[in-house]
Amino acid sequence: MENDETRSQLEHLRRQYPSPEAALKAQEQAVREVKAKIAAVEKKRAEIQEAIDKKVKERDLELKVLEKYREVKASEVLS
């Protein structure tokens, strides 16, 4: 069963790429497409990481402001 499927796929590829040069060009094109997809994913990951870092900084600043506010309120209550 697997051999028949493999033979069928092989014949299809032989018809699609009749020469080694055609197969090589298709392979090179596939490599370019994969590299482009990888670059796009890496760029998107960097953008997301930058957004996460920005949100973490915002949260840290908000926590510092809240802490100062609580300190001021606590000192007012004690006074």
PDB file of N, CA and C in Angstrom:
ATOM      1  N   MET A   1       0.826  -1.196   0.000  1.00  0.00           N
ATOM      2  CA  MET A   1       0.000   0.000   0.000  1.00  0.00           C
ATOM      3  C   MET A   1       0.869   1.258   0.000  1.00  0.00           C
ATOM      4  N   GLU A   2       1.828   1.333   0.922  1.00  0.00           N
ATOM      5  CA  GLU A   2       2.711   2.490   0.982  1.00  0.00           C
ATOM      6  C   GLU A   2       3.556   2.610  -0.276  1.00  0.00           C
ATOM      7  N   ASN A   3       4.010   1.478  -0.799  1.00  0.00           N
ATOM      8  CA  ASN A   3       4.829   1.500  -2.008  1.00  0.00           C
ATOM      9  C   ASN A   3       4.056   2.077  -3.187  1.00  0.00           C
ATOM     10  N   ASP A   4       2.787   1.718  -3.308  1.00  0.00           N
ATOM     11  CA  ASP A   4       1.965   2.253  -4.394  1.00  0.00           C
ATOM     12  C   ASP A   4       1.805   3.764  -4.256  1.00  0.00           C
ATOM     13  N   GLU A   5       1.580   4.209  -3.037  1.00  0.00           N
ATOM     14  CA  GLU A   5       1.419   5.640  -2.793  1.00  0.00           C
ATOM     15  C   GLU A   5       2.723   6.371  -3.082  1.00  0.00           C
ATOM     16  N   THR A   6       3.830   5.796  -2.656  1.00  0.00           N
ATOM     17  CA  THR A   6       5.136   6.400  -2.895  1.00  0.00           C
ATOM     18  C   THR A   6       5.425   6.465  -4.390  1.00  0.00           C
ATOM     19  N   ARG A   7       5.135   5.389  -5.092  1.00  0.00           N
ATOM     20  CA  ARG A   7       5.346   5.372  -6.548  1.00  0.00           C
ATOM     21  C   ARG A   7       4.491   6.435  -7.231  1.00  0.00           C
ATOM     22  N   SER A   8       3.264   6.553  -6.790  1.00  0.00           N
ATOM     23  CA  SER A   8       2.352   7.542  -7.366  1.00  0.00           C
ATOM     24  C   SER A   8       2.896   8.958  -7.149  1.00  0.00           C
ATOM     25  N   GLN A   9       3.352   9.230  -5.936  1.00  0.00           N
ATOM     26  CA  GLN A   9       3.919  10.547  -5.641  1.00  0.00           C
ATOM     27  C   GLN A   9       5.180  10.797  -6.460  1.00  0.00           C
ATOM     28  N   LEU A  10       6.011   9.788  -6.587  1.00  0.00           N
ATOM     29  CA  LEU A  10       7.244   9.909  -7.357  1.00  0.00           C
ATOM     30  C   LEU A  10       6.939  10.198  -8.829  1.00  0.00           C
ATOM     31  N   GLU A  11       5.973   9.509  -9.385  1.00  0.00           N
ATOM     32  CA  GLU A  11       5.585   9.750 -10.778  1.00  0.00           C
ATOM     33  C   GLU A  11       5.036  11.161 -10.958  1.00  0.00           C
ATOM     34  N   HIS A  12       4.243  11.582  -9.996  1.00  0.00           N
ATOM     35  CA  HIS A  12       3.699  12.943 -10.052  1.00  0.00           C
ATOM     36  C   HIS A  12       4.836  13.956 -10.054  1.00  0.00           C
ATOM     37  N   LEU A  13       5.815  13.781  -9.174  1.00  0.00           N
ATOM     38  CA  LEU A  13       6.952  14.699  -9.110  1.00  0.00           C
ATOM     39  C   LEU A  13       7.784  14.654 -10.389  1.00  0.00           C
ATOM     40  N   ARG A  14       7.938  13.481 -10.967  1.00  0.00           N
ATOM     41  CA  ARG A  14       8.693  13.365 -12.225  1.00  0.00           C
ATOM     42  C   ARG A  14       7.999  14.112 -13.363  1.00  0.00           C
ATOM     43  N   ARG A  15       6.663  14.064 -13.380  1.00  0.00           N
ATOM     44  CA  ARG A  15       5.930  14.807 -14.409  1.00  0.00           C
ATOM     45  C   ARG A  15       6.019  16.311 -14.145  1.00  0.00           C
ATOM     46  N   GLN A  16       5.919  16.679 -12.877  1.00  0.00           N
ATOM     47  CA  GLN A  16       5.940  18.094 -12.512  1.00  0.00           C
ATOM     48  C   GLN A  16       7.320  18.703 -12.745  1.00  0.00           C
ATOM     49  N   TYR A  17       8.373  17.953 -12.449  1.00  0.00           N
ATOM     50  CA  TYR A  17       9.748  18.435 -12.593  1.00  0.00           C
ATOM     51  C   TYR A  17      10.521  17.443 -13.460  1.00  0.00           C
ATOM     52  N   PRO A  18      10.413  17.604 -14.779  1.00  0.00           N
ATOM     53  CA  PRO A  18      10.985  16.610 -15.690  1.00  0.00           C
ATOM     54  C   PRO A  18      12.515  16.579 -15.713  1.00  0.00           C
ATOM     55  N   SER A  19      13.161  17.659 -15.291  1.00  0.00           N
ATOM     56  CA  SER A  19      14.631  17.669 -15.319  1.00  0.00           C
ATOM     57  C   SER A  19      15.173  17.973 -13.927  1.00  0.00           C
ATOM     58  N   PRO A  20      16.415  17.596 -13.676  1.00  0.00           N
ATOM     59  CA  PRO A  20      17.033  17.928 -12.382  1.00  0.00           C
ATOM     60  C   PRO A  20      17.088  19.440 -12.152  1.00  0.00           C
ATOM     61  N   GLU A  21      17.256  20.190 -13.233  1.00  0.00           N
ATOM     62  CA  GLU A  21      17.303  21.651 -13.108  1.00  0.00           C
ATOM     63  C   GLU A  21      15.960  22.205 -12.637  1.00  0.00           C
ATOM     64  N   ALA A  22      14.881  21.663 -13.182  1.00  0.00           N
ATOM     65  CA  ALA A  22      13.542  22.108 -12.770  1.00  0.00           C
ATOM     66  C   ALA A  22      13.293  21.765 -11.307  1.00  0.00           C
ATOM     67  N   ALA A  23      13.721  20.596 -10.897  1.00  0.00           N
ATOM     68  CA  ALA A  23      13.558  20.195  -9.494  1.00  0.00           C
ATOM     69  C   ALA A  23      14.393  21.090  -8.589  1.00  0.00           C
ATOM     70  N   LEU A  24      15.609  21.418  -9.029  1.00  0.00           N
ATOM     71  CA  LEU A  24      16.481  22.285  -8.234  1.00  0.00           C
ATOM     72  C   LEU A  24      15.888  23.683  -8.101  1.00  0.00           C
ATOM     73  N   LYS A  25      15.351  24.218  -9.197  1.00  0.00           N
ATOM     74  CA  LYS A  25      14.723  25.544  -9.142  1.00  0.00           C
ATOM     75  C   LYS A  25      13.533  25.540  -8.183  1.00  0.00           C
ATOM     76  N   ALA A  26      12.734  24.497  -8.229  1.00  0.00           N
ATOM     77  CA  ALA A  26      11.582  24.398  -7.328  1.00  0.00           C
ATOM     78  C   ALA A  26      12.044  24.301  -5.882  1.00  0.00           C
ATOM     79  N   GLN A  27      13.108  23.552  -5.667  1.00  0.00           N
ATOM     80  CA  GLN A  27      13.645  23.414  -4.312  1.00  0.00           C
ATOM     81  C   GLN A  27      14.173  24.760  -3.813  1.00  0.00           C
ATOM     82  N   GLU A  28      14.883  25.484  -4.667  1.00  0.00           N
ATOM     83  CA  GLU A  28      15.402  26.799  -4.280  1.00  0.00           C
ATOM     84  C   GLU A  28      14.270  27.772  -3.981  1.00  0.00           C
ATOM     85  N   GLN A  29      13.208  27.715  -4.775  1.00  0.00           N
ATOM     86  CA  GLN A  29      12.052  28.575  -4.533  1.00  0.00           C
ATOM     87  C   GLN A  29      11.398  28.230  -3.194  1.00  0.00           C
ATOM     88  N   ALA A  30      11.288  26.956  -2.905  1.00  0.00           N
ATOM     89  CA  ALA A  30      10.706  26.535  -1.625  1.00  0.00           C
ATOM     90  C   ALA A  30      11.555  27.029  -0.465  1.00  0.00           C
ATOM     91  N   VAL A  31      12.874  26.976  -0.619  1.00  0.00           N
ATOM     92  CA  VAL A  31      13.775  27.462   0.433  1.00  0.00           C
ATOM     93  C   VAL A  31      13.575  28.961   0.640  1.00  0.00           C
ATOM     94  N   ARG A  32      13.469  29.725  -0.456  1.00  0.00           N
ATOM     95  CA  ARG A  32      13.244  31.170  -0.336  1.00  0.00           C
ATOM     96  C   ARG A  32      11.932  31.459   0.390  1.00  0.00           C
ATOM     97  N   GLU A  33      10.892  30.713   0.057  1.00  0.00           N
ATOM     98  CA  GLU A  33       9.592  30.920   0.703  1.00  0.00           C
ATOM     99  C   GLU A  33       9.657  30.600   2.193  1.00  0.00           C
ATOM    100  N   VAL A  34      10.336  29.521   2.537  1.00  0.00           N
ATOM    101  CA  VAL A  34      10.453  29.143   3.950  1.00  0.00           C
ATOM    102  C   VAL A  34      11.259  30.191   4.709  1.00  0.00           C
ATOM    103  N   LYS A  35      12.352  30.668   4.112  1.00  0.00           N
ATOM    104  CA  LYS A  35      13.164  31.698   4.768  1.00  0.00           C
ATOM    105  C   LYS A  35      12.360  32.976   4.975  1.00  0.00           C
ATOM    106  N   ALA A  36      11.538  33.336   3.996  1.00  0.00           N
ATOM    107  CA  ALA A  36      10.703  34.528   4.123  1.00  0.00           C
ATOM    108  C   ALA A  36       9.685  34.355   5.247  1.00  0.00           C
ATOM    109  N   LYS A  37       9.089  33.169   5.337  1.00  0.00           N
ATOM    110  CA  LYS A  37       8.127  32.909   6.416  1.00  0.00           C
ATOM    111  C   LYS A  37       8.809  32.959   7.777  1.00  0.00           C
ATOM    112  N   ILE A  38      10.007  32.393   7.866  1.00  0.00           N
ATOM    113  CA  ILE A  38      10.754  32.412   9.127  1.00  0.00           C
ATOM    114  C   ILE A  38      11.068  33.847   9.520  1.00  0.00           C
ATOM    115  N   ALA A  39      11.506  34.657   8.563  1.00  0.00           N
ATOM    116  CA  ALA A  39      11.819  36.059   8.845  1.00  0.00           C
ATOM    117  C   ALA A  39      10.575  36.806   9.322  1.00  0.00           C
ATOM    118  N   ALA A  40       9.434  36.550   8.691  1.00  0.00           N
ATOM    119  CA  ALA A  40       8.194  37.214   9.088  1.00  0.00           C
ATOM    120  C   ALA A  40       7.789  36.808  10.502  1.00  0.00           C
ATOM    121  N   VAL A  41       7.940  35.535  10.816  1.00  0.00           N
ATOM    122  CA  VAL A  41       7.588  35.051  12.155  1.00  0.00           C
ATOM    123  C   VAL A  41       8.534  35.641  13.199  1.00  0.00           C
ATOM    124  N   GLU A  42       9.820  35.713  12.880  1.00  0.00           N
ATOM    125  CA  GLU A  42      10.782  36.292  13.820  1.00  0.00           C
ATOM    126  C   GLU A  42      10.490  37.771  14.054  1.00  0.00           C
ATOM    127  N   LYS A  43      10.114  38.488  12.990  1.00  0.00           N
ATOM    128  CA  LYS A  43       9.768  39.904  13.131  1.00  0.00           C
ATOM    129  C   LYS A  43       8.539  40.059  14.021  1.00  0.00           C
ATOM    130  N   LYS A  44       7.539  39.232  13.780  1.00  0.00           N
ATOM    131  CA  LYS A  44       6.313  39.291  14.584  1.00  0.00           C
ATOM    132  C   LYS A  44       6.609  38.965  16.046  1.00  0.00           C
ATOM    133  N   ARG A  45       7.468  37.964  16.286  1.00  0.00           N
ATOM    134  CA  ARG A  45       7.840  37.601  17.646  1.00  0.00           C
ATOM    135  C   ARG A  45       8.528  38.774  18.337  1.00  0.00           C
ATOM    136  N   ALA A  46       9.423  39.456  17.613  1.00  0.00           N
ATOM    137  CA  ALA A  46      10.119  40.609  18.181  1.00  0.00           C
ATOM    138  C   ALA A  46       9.133  41.730  18.515  1.00  0.00           C
ATOM    139  N   GLU A  47       8.161  41.957  17.640  1.00  0.00           N
ATOM    140  CA  GLU A  47       7.149  42.985  17.899  1.00  0.00           C
ATOM    141  C   GLU A  47       6.329  42.639  19.136  1.00  0.00           C
ATOM    142  N   ILE A  48       5.952  41.388  19.254  1.00  0.00           N
ATOM    143  CA  ILE A  48       5.166  40.955  20.413  1.00  0.00           C
ATOM    144  C   ILE A  48       5.988  41.081  21.688  1.00  0.00           C
ATOM    145  N   GLN A  49       7.262  40.678  21.630  1.00  0.00           N
ATOM    146  CA  GLN A  49       8.122  40.781  22.805  1.00  0.00           C
ATOM    147  C   GLN A  49       8.287  42.240  23.217  1.00  0.00           C
ATOM    148  N   GLU A  50       8.416  43.131  22.241  1.00  0.00           N
ATOM    149  CA  GLU A  50       8.530  44.561  22.528  1.00  0.00           C
ATOM    150  C   GLU A  50       7.261  45.075  23.214  1.00  0.00           C
ATOM    151  N   ALA A  51       6.110  44.641  22.733  1.00  0.00           N
ATOM    152  CA  ALA A  51       4.839  45.055  23.340  1.00  0.00           C
ATOM    153  C   ALA A  51       4.723  44.516  24.762  1.00  0.00           C
ATOM    154  N   ILE A  52       5.157  43.286  24.978  1.00  0.00           N
ATOM    155  CA  ILE A  52       5.127  42.697  26.323  1.00  0.00           C
ATOM    156  C   ILE A  52       6.035  43.487  27.253  1.00  0.00           C
ATOM    157  N   ASP A  53       7.245  43.793  26.789  1.00  0.00           N
ATOM    158  CA  ASP A  53       8.187  44.554  27.609  1.00  0.00           C
ATOM    159  C   ASP A  53       7.615  45.920  27.975  1.00  0.00           C
ATOM    160  N   LYS A  54       6.948  46.558  27.016  1.00  0.00           N
ATOM    161  CA  LYS A  54       6.342  47.866  27.272  1.00  0.00           C
ATOM    162  C   LYS A  54       5.254  47.753  28.336  1.00  0.00           C
ATOM    163  N   LYS A  55       4.414  46.728  28.230  1.00  0.00           N
ATOM    164  CA  LYS A  55       3.344  46.542  29.216  1.00  0.00           C
ATOM    165  C   LYS A  55       3.914  46.244  30.603  1.00  0.00           C
ATOM    166  N   VAL A  56       4.997  45.477  30.665  1.00  0.00           N
ATOM    167  CA  VAL A  56       5.624  45.173  31.954  1.00  0.00           C
ATOM    168  C   VAL A  56       6.156  46.458  32.584  1.00  0.00           C
ATOM    169  N   LYS A  57       6.792  47.312  31.781  1.00  0.00           N
ATOM    170  CA  LYS A  57       7.301  48.586  32.306  1.00  0.00           C
ATOM    171  C   LYS A  57       6.156  49.462  32.807  1.00  0.00           C
ATOM    172  N   GLU A  58       5.054  49.502  32.039  1.00  0.00           N
ATOM    173  CA  GLU A  58       3.886  50.284  32.459  1.00  0.00           C
ATOM    174  C   GLU A  58       3.338  49.760  33.780  1.00  0.00           C
ATOM    175  N   ARG A  59       3.232  48.447  33.894  1.00  0.00           N
ATOM    176  CA  ARG A  59       2.719  47.849  35.123  1.00  0.00           C
ATOM    177  C   ARG A  59       3.638  48.164  36.301  1.00  0.00           C
ATOM    178  N   ASP A  60       4.944  48.043  36.093  1.00  0.00           N
ATOM    179  CA  ASP A  60       5.895  48.341  37.160  1.00  0.00           C
ATOM    180  C   ASP A  60       5.773  49.794  37.611  1.00  0.00           C
ATOM    181  N   LEU A  61       5.623  50.702  36.656  1.00  0.00           N
ATOM    182  CA  LEU A  61       5.460  52.115  36.993  1.00  0.00           C
ATOM    183  C   LEU A  61       4.166  52.329  37.776  1.00  0.00           C
ATOM    184  N   GLU A  62       3.089  51.697  37.335  1.00  0.00           N
ATOM    185  CA  GLU A  62       1.816  51.830  38.047  1.00  0.00           C
ATOM    186  C   GLU A  62       1.926  51.294  39.470  1.00  0.00           C
ATOM    187  N   LEU A  63       2.639  50.187  39.650  1.00  0.00           N
ATOM    188  CA  LEU A  63       2.818  49.633  40.995  1.00  0.00           C
ATOM    189  C   LEU A  63       3.637  50.569  41.875  1.00  0.00           C
ATOM    190  N   LYS A  64       4.654  51.209  41.309  1.00  0.00           N
ATOM    191  CA  LYS A  64       5.458  52.167  42.075  1.00  0.00           C
ATOM    192  C   LYS A  64       4.616  53.360  42.498  1.00  0.00           C
ATOM    193  N   VAL A  65       3.800  53.856  41.572  1.00  0.00           N
ATOM    194  CA  VAL A  65       2.925  54.988  41.890  1.00  0.00           C
ATOM    195  C   VAL A  65       1.938  54.583  42.978  1.00  0.00           C
ATOM    196  N   LEU A  66       1.362  53.408  42.868  1.00  0.00           N
ATOM    197  CA  LEU A  66       0.424  52.921  43.878  1.00  0.00           C
ATOM    198  C   LEU A  66       1.108  52.779  45.233  1.00  0.00           C
ATOM    199  N   GLU A  67       2.319  52.261  45.231  1.00  0.00           N
ATOM    200  CA  GLU A  67       3.069  52.099  46.479  1.00  0.00           C
ATOM    201  C   GLU A  67       3.334  53.459  47.129  1.00  0.00           C
ATOM    202  N   LYS A  68       3.732  54.442  46.337  1.00  0.00           N
ATOM    203  CA  LYS A  68       3.966  55.799  46.870  1.00  0.00           C
ATOM    204  C   LYS A  68       2.665  56.382  47.413  1.00  0.00           C
ATOM    205  N   TYR A  69       1.573  56.179  46.690  1.00  0.00           N
ATOM    206  CA  TYR A  69       0.276  56.682  47.125  1.00  0.00           C
ATOM    207  C   TYR A  69      -0.096  56.073  48.476  1.00  0.00           C
ATOM    208  N   ARG A  70       0.101  54.761  48.611  1.00  0.00           N
ATOM    209  CA  ARG A  70      -0.210  54.092  49.876  1.00  0.00           C
ATOM    210  C   ARG A  70       0.677  54.605  51.005  1.00  0.00           C
ATOM    211  N   GLU A  71       1.955  54.849  50.704  1.00  0.00           N
ATOM    212  CA  GLU A  71       2.865  55.379  51.724  1.00  0.00           C
ATOM    213  C   GLU A  71       2.397  56.752  52.195  1.00  0.00           C
ATOM    214  N   VAL A  72       1.997  57.595  51.246  1.00  0.00           N
ATOM    215  CA  VAL A  72       1.524  58.937  51.593  1.00  0.00           C
ATOM    216  C   VAL A  72       0.244  58.834  52.408  1.00  0.00           C
ATOM    217  N   LYS A  73      -0.680  57.985  51.998  1.00  0.00           N
ATOM    218  CA  LYS A  73      -1.935  57.815  52.737  1.00  0.00           C
ATOM    219  C   LYS A  73      -1.665  57.280  54.142  1.00  0.00           C
ATOM    220  N   ALA A  74      -0.741  56.333  54.259  1.00  0.00           N
ATOM    221  CA  ALA A  74      -0.419  55.760  55.565  1.00  0.00           C
ATOM    222  C   ALA A  74       0.205  56.814  56.468  1.00  0.00           C
ATOM    223  N   SER A  75       1.059  57.655  55.923  1.00  0.00           N
ATOM    224  CA  SER A  75       1.686  58.696  56.742  1.00  0.00           C
ATOM    225  C   SER A  75       0.667  59.756  57.141  1.00  0.00           C
ATOM    226  N   GLU A  76      -0.319  60.020  56.286  1.00  0.00           N
ATOM    227  CA  GLU A  76      -1.375  60.975  56.630  1.00  0.00           C
ATOM    228  C   GLU A  76      -2.247  60.423  57.752  1.00  0.00           C
ATOM    229  N   VAL A  77      -2.522  59.136  57.729  1.00  0.00           N
ATOM    230  CA  VAL A  77      -3.352  58.511  58.752  1.00  0.00           C
ATOM    231  C   VAL A  77      -2.617  58.530  60.088  1.00  0.00           C
ATOM    232  N   LEU A  78      -1.315  58.286  60.054  1.00  0.00           N
ATOM    233  CA  LEU A  78      -0.525  58.262  61.281  1.00  0.00           C
ATOM    234  C   LEU A  78      -0.326  59.651  61.865  1.00  0.00           C
ATOM    235  N   SER A  79      -0.425  60.683  61.048  1.00  0.00           N
ATOM    236  CA  SER A  79      -0.192  62.050  61.529  1.00  0.00           C
ATOM    237  C   SER A  79      -1.356  62.616  62.275  1.00  0.00           C
TER     238      SER A  79
END
